[in-house]
Protein backbone atom coordinates (compact mmCIF):
# COMPACT_ATOMS: atom_id res chain seq x y z
CA MET A 1 119.37 59.19 86.46
CA GLU A 2 122.02 56.87 87.88
CA THR A 3 121.95 53.06 87.73
CA LEU A 4 123.49 51.48 90.81
CA SER A 5 124.22 47.77 91.16
CA TYR A 6 125.13 45.49 94.03
CA GLU A 7 126.16 41.86 94.20
CA THR A 8 126.77 39.32 96.92
CA VAL A 9 127.25 35.56 97.03
CA ILE A 10 125.13 33.83 99.67
CA ASN A 11 125.70 30.30 100.93
CA ALA A 12 122.03 29.32 100.58
CA PRO A 13 119.69 28.14 97.81
CA LYS A 14 117.84 30.68 95.65
CA GLN A 15 114.43 29.98 97.19
CA LYS A 16 115.71 30.68 100.69
CA VAL A 17 117.30 33.98 99.56
CA TRP A 18 114.06 34.89 97.74
CA ASP A 19 112.04 34.17 100.88
CA VAL A 20 114.34 36.38 103.00
CA LEU A 21 113.99 39.22 100.49
CA TRP A 22 110.18 39.20 100.28
CA SER A 23 108.80 37.55 103.44
CA PRO A 24 106.92 40.01 105.70
CA LYS A 25 108.96 38.62 108.64
CA THR A 26 112.34 39.51 107.14
CA TYR A 27 111.66 42.32 104.63
CA GLY A 28 111.64 44.99 107.34
CA GLN A 29 114.94 43.73 108.73
CA TRP A 30 117.02 44.08 105.59
CA THR A 31 115.35 47.31 104.43
CA GLN A 32 115.80 49.10 107.77
CA PHE A 33 118.67 51.20 106.44
CA PHE A 34 116.50 52.89 103.81
CA ASN A 35 114.16 54.33 106.45
CA PRO A 36 115.76 54.12 109.90
CA ASN A 37 112.90 55.99 111.59
CA SER A 38 110.19 53.50 110.64
CA GLN A 39 110.24 49.83 109.74
CA SER A 40 109.54 49.21 106.07
CA GLN A 41 106.91 46.86 104.73
CA ILE A 42 105.97 45.58 101.31
CA LYS A 43 102.39 44.98 100.22
CA SER A 44 101.91 43.34 96.85
CA ASP A 45 99.52 41.23 94.83
CA TRP A 46 102.68 39.63 93.33
CA LYS A 47 101.26 39.93 89.82
CA VAL A 48 102.94 41.42 86.74
CA GLY A 49 101.15 44.71 86.07
CA GLY A 50 99.55 44.69 89.54
CA LYS A 51 100.25 47.00 92.47
CA THR A 52 103.14 46.84 94.91
CA TYR A 53 103.57 49.27 97.79
CA PHE A 54 106.86 49.96 99.57
CA LEU A 55 105.67 51.60 102.79
CA ASP A 56 106.76 52.78 106.19
CA MET A 57 104.70 51.98 109.30
CA ASN A 58 102.47 55.01 108.58
CA ASN A 59 101.57 53.42 105.21
CA GLU A 60 103.42 56.19 103.35
CA GLY A 61 105.89 55.42 100.60
CA MET A 62 106.09 54.36 96.96
CA VAL A 63 103.60 52.73 94.64
CA SER A 64 105.08 50.45 92.01
CA THR A 65 104.19 47.64 89.67
CA ILE A 66 105.91 44.35 88.91
CA ASP A 67 107.29 44.56 85.38
CA SER A 68 108.72 41.02 85.33
CA LEU A 69 108.50 38.09 87.76
CA GLU A 70 110.06 34.63 87.69
CA GLU A 71 110.25 33.26 91.25
CA PRO A 72 112.86 32.54 92.60
CA ASN A 73 115.07 33.79 89.75
CA GLN A 74 114.20 37.44 89.24
CA ILE A 75 111.79 40.27 89.88
CA VAL A 76 111.72 43.74 88.34
CA PHE A 77 109.75 46.54 89.97
CA LYS A 78 108.81 49.69 88.05
CA HIS A 79 108.26 52.63 90.38
CA LEU A 80 105.18 54.70 89.54
CA GLY A 81 104.82 57.30 92.28
CA MET A 82 104.19 58.06 95.92
CA VAL A 83 101.36 57.14 98.27
CA ASP A 84 100.39 59.14 101.37
CA LYS A 85 99.13 57.85 104.73
CA ASP A 86 95.53 58.18 103.51
CA GLY A 87 96.27 55.85 100.58
CA VAL A 88 96.20 58.64 97.99
CA GLU A 89 98.54 57.86 95.11
CA ASP A 90 100.52 60.60 93.34
CA THR A 91 101.70 59.51 89.91
CA GLU A 92 101.22 62.85 88.14
CA SER A 93 103.06 65.61 90.07
CA MET A 94 106.19 67.17 88.55
CA GLU A 95 108.28 65.85 91.44
CA VAL A 96 107.13 62.26 90.80
CA LYS A 97 107.40 62.51 87.00
CA GLN A 98 111.13 63.21 87.38
CA TRP A 99 111.72 59.61 88.51
CA SER A 100 108.54 57.70 87.64
CA GLY A 101 109.35 54.66 85.52
CA CYS A 102 112.61 53.87 87.33
CA PHE A 103 113.36 50.18 87.72
CA GLU A 104 114.53 48.12 90.70
CA LYS A 105 115.74 44.63 89.78
CA TYR A 106 116.68 41.55 91.79
CA ILE A 107 118.32 38.63 89.98
CA LEU A 108 119.20 35.38 91.78
CA ILE A 109 121.63 33.03 90.03
CA ASP A 110 122.66 29.53 91.08
CA PHE A 111 126.38 29.76 91.72
CA ASP A 112 127.91 26.34 92.54
CA GLY A 113 125.21 25.54 95.10
CA LYS A 114 125.26 29.08 96.44
CA THR A 115 123.22 32.05 95.25
CA LYS A 116 124.60 35.12 93.55
CA LEU A 117 122.21 37.97 94.35
CA HIS A 118 122.41 40.91 91.96
CA ALA A 119 120.38 44.03 92.71
CA GLU A 120 120.13 47.04 90.41
CA VAL A 121 118.27 50.29 90.94
CA GLN A 122 117.83 53.54 89.02
CA VAL A 123 117.93 56.66 91.20
CA GLU A 124 118.33 60.39 90.96
CA LYS A 125 121.86 61.52 91.74
CA GLU A 126 120.95 63.21 95.04
CA TRP A 127 119.66 59.85 96.41
CA GLN A 128 122.78 57.87 95.45
CA ASP A 129 124.51 57.91 98.88
CA HIS A 130 121.29 57.02 100.70
CA ILE A 131 120.53 54.10 98.35
CA ASN A 132 124.15 52.86 98.44
CA ASN A 133 124.04 52.80 102.25
CA GLY A 134 120.71 50.95 102.25
CA PHE A 135 121.75 48.27 99.80
CA ILE A 136 125.28 47.70 101.10
CA LYS A 137 124.09 47.24 104.69
CA GLY A 138 120.78 45.63 103.74
CA LEU A 139 122.21 42.91 101.52
CA GLU A 140 124.58 41.98 104.34
CA ILE A 141 121.47 41.34 106.48
CA VAL A 142 119.93 39.26 103.65
CA LYS A 143 123.13 37.19 103.51
CA ASN A 144 123.19 36.68 107.30
CA LEU A 145 119.51 35.70 107.48
CA ALA A 146 119.68 33.31 104.52
CA GLU A 147 122.83 31.59 105.77
CA LYS A 148 121.33 30.82 109.22
């Protein structure tokens, strides 16, 4: 498992950056590079230990939980498995167990009136290029949207 990290300084307050990251209106914009064939969406109860779904427009994707939440300072997702278009969750297959439990973290730090956004994700080596591309391009979109 590889841990990848990304950082950018955004000329906007933390709450505005947070809202760009997790608002249904903007989430699909910055995450478009992870799944270019279908706009991404997030569905969450926004509760620690609850359910969060990272889905494409066919409602297929990952099921996760929030491990830690302190809006607008940080959120840590723990990925649990996959979900198919019928809503069936797979948290037990061998394929899923190879990466289940991986974390995805977002930390927002006040930086002289600006926001330093730090993102960190654990991935299997074969997904490294794909995830790098998604975060590098995606966080540029977050920066552009938050600075408007």
